[in-house]
Amino acid sequence: MGGLLWAIVVILFILWLLGWLAFHVGGGLIHILIVVAIILLIYNLVTGLGARL
């Protein structure tokens, strides 16, 4: 499950970069993508640390 979350974070981050650098799609959508990626990253870090303790 952790690998899937990392894949989603990476994909969302790449989409955010493409939208910001290349396509200039609606500003709100780009920021929503990066916020979701950051939330998933934090969730993965917290649950990963809890499993190791």
C-alpha atoms as a PDB file:
ATOM      1  CA  MET A   1       0.000   0.000   0.000  1.00  0.00           C
ATOM      2  CA  GLY A   2       2.889   2.352   0.757  1.00  0.00           C
ATOM      3  CA  GLY A   3       4.272   1.939  -2.761  1.00  0.00           C
ATOM      4  CA  LEU A   4       0.922   2.904  -4.220  1.00  0.00           C
ATOM      5  CA  LEU A   5       0.771   6.075  -2.129  1.00  0.00           C
ATOM      6  CA  TRP A   6       4.286   7.054  -3.221  1.00  0.00           C
ATOM      7  CA  ALA A   7       3.309   6.470  -6.850  1.00  0.00           C
ATOM      8  CA  ILE A   8       0.249   8.706  -6.438  1.00  0.00           C
ATOM      9  CA  VAL A   9       2.352  11.420  -4.792  1.00  0.00           C
ATOM     10  CA  VAL A  10       4.905  11.321  -7.611  1.00  0.00           C
ATOM     11  CA  ILE A  11       2.222  11.344 -10.330  1.00  0.00           C
ATOM     12  CA  LEU A  12       0.372  14.265  -8.728  1.00  0.00           C
ATOM     13  CA  PHE A  13       3.611  16.187  -8.314  1.00  0.00           C
ATOM     14  CA  ILE A  14       4.550  15.626 -11.961  1.00  0.00           C
ATOM     15  CA  LEU A  15       1.074  16.700 -13.084  1.00  0.00           C
ATOM     16  CA  TRP A  16       1.368  19.797 -10.927  1.00  0.00           C
ATOM     17  CA  LEU A  17       4.739  20.670 -12.449  1.00  0.00           C
ATOM     18  CA  LEU A  18       3.439  20.120 -15.980  1.00  0.00           C
ATOM     19  CA  GLY A  19       0.405  22.256 -15.321  1.00  0.00           C
ATOM     20  CA  TRP A  20       2.455  24.996 -13.733  1.00  0.00           C
ATOM     21  CA  LEU A  21       5.295  25.036 -16.245  1.00  0.00           C
ATOM     22  CA  ALA A  22       3.741  24.035 -19.546  1.00  0.00           C
ATOM     23  CA  PHE A  23      -0.009  24.244 -19.781  1.00  0.00           C
ATOM     24  CA  HIS A  24      -1.087  26.942 -17.307  1.00  0.00           C
ATOM     25  CA  VAL A  25      -4.353  25.124 -16.650  1.00  0.00           C
ATOM     26  CA  GLY A  26      -6.742  26.712 -14.156  1.00  0.00           C
ATOM     27  CA  GLY A  27      -4.793  27.943 -11.152  1.00  0.00           C
ATOM     28  CA  GLY A  28      -7.031  26.317  -8.563  1.00  0.00           C
ATOM     29  CA  LEU A  29      -6.723  22.840 -10.054  1.00  0.00           C
ATOM     30  CA  ILE A  30      -2.944  22.970 -10.018  1.00  0.00           C
ATOM     31  CA  HIS A  31      -2.842  23.916  -6.350  1.00  0.00           C
ATOM     32  CA  ILE A  32      -5.392  21.263  -5.432  1.00  0.00           C
ATOM     33  CA  LEU A  33      -3.128  18.627  -7.015  1.00  0.00           C
ATOM     34  CA  ILE A  34      -0.089  19.702  -5.012  1.00  0.00           C
ATOM     35  CA  VAL A  35      -2.081  19.895  -1.781  1.00  0.00           C
ATOM     36  CA  VAL A  36      -3.392  16.344  -2.312  1.00  0.00           C
ATOM     37  CA  ALA A  37       0.150  15.138  -3.054  1.00  0.00           C
ATOM     38  CA  ILE A  38       1.492  16.751   0.127  1.00  0.00           C
ATOM     39  CA  ILE A  39      -1.349  15.300   2.228  1.00  0.00           C
ATOM     40  CA  LEU A  40      -0.657  11.820   0.853  1.00  0.00           C
ATOM     41  CA  LEU A  41       3.065  12.244   1.497  1.00  0.00           C
ATOM     42  CA  ILE A  42       2.476  13.283   5.116  1.00  0.00           C
ATOM     43  CA  TYR A  43      -0.018  10.461   5.625  1.00  0.00           C
ATOM     44  CA  ASN A  44       2.468   7.946   4.233  1.00  0.00           C
ATOM     45  CA  LEU A  45       5.253   9.257   6.467  1.00  0.00           C
ATOM     46  CA  VAL A  46       3.075   9.167   9.597  1.00  0.00           C
ATOM     47  CA  THR A  47       1.711   5.679   8.970  1.00  0.00           C
ATOM     48  CA  GLY A  48       5.162   4.425   8.001  1.00  0.00           C
ATOM     49  CA  LEU A  49       6.667   5.704  11.223  1.00  0.00           C
ATOM     50  CA  GLY A  50       3.841   4.194  13.283  1.00  0.00           C
ATOM     51  CA  ALA A  51       4.417   0.785  11.736  1.00  0.00           C
ATOM     52  CA  ARG A  52       8.137   0.872  12.585  1.00  0.00           C
ATOM     53  CA  LEU A  53       7.692   1.725  16.279  1.00  0.00           C
END
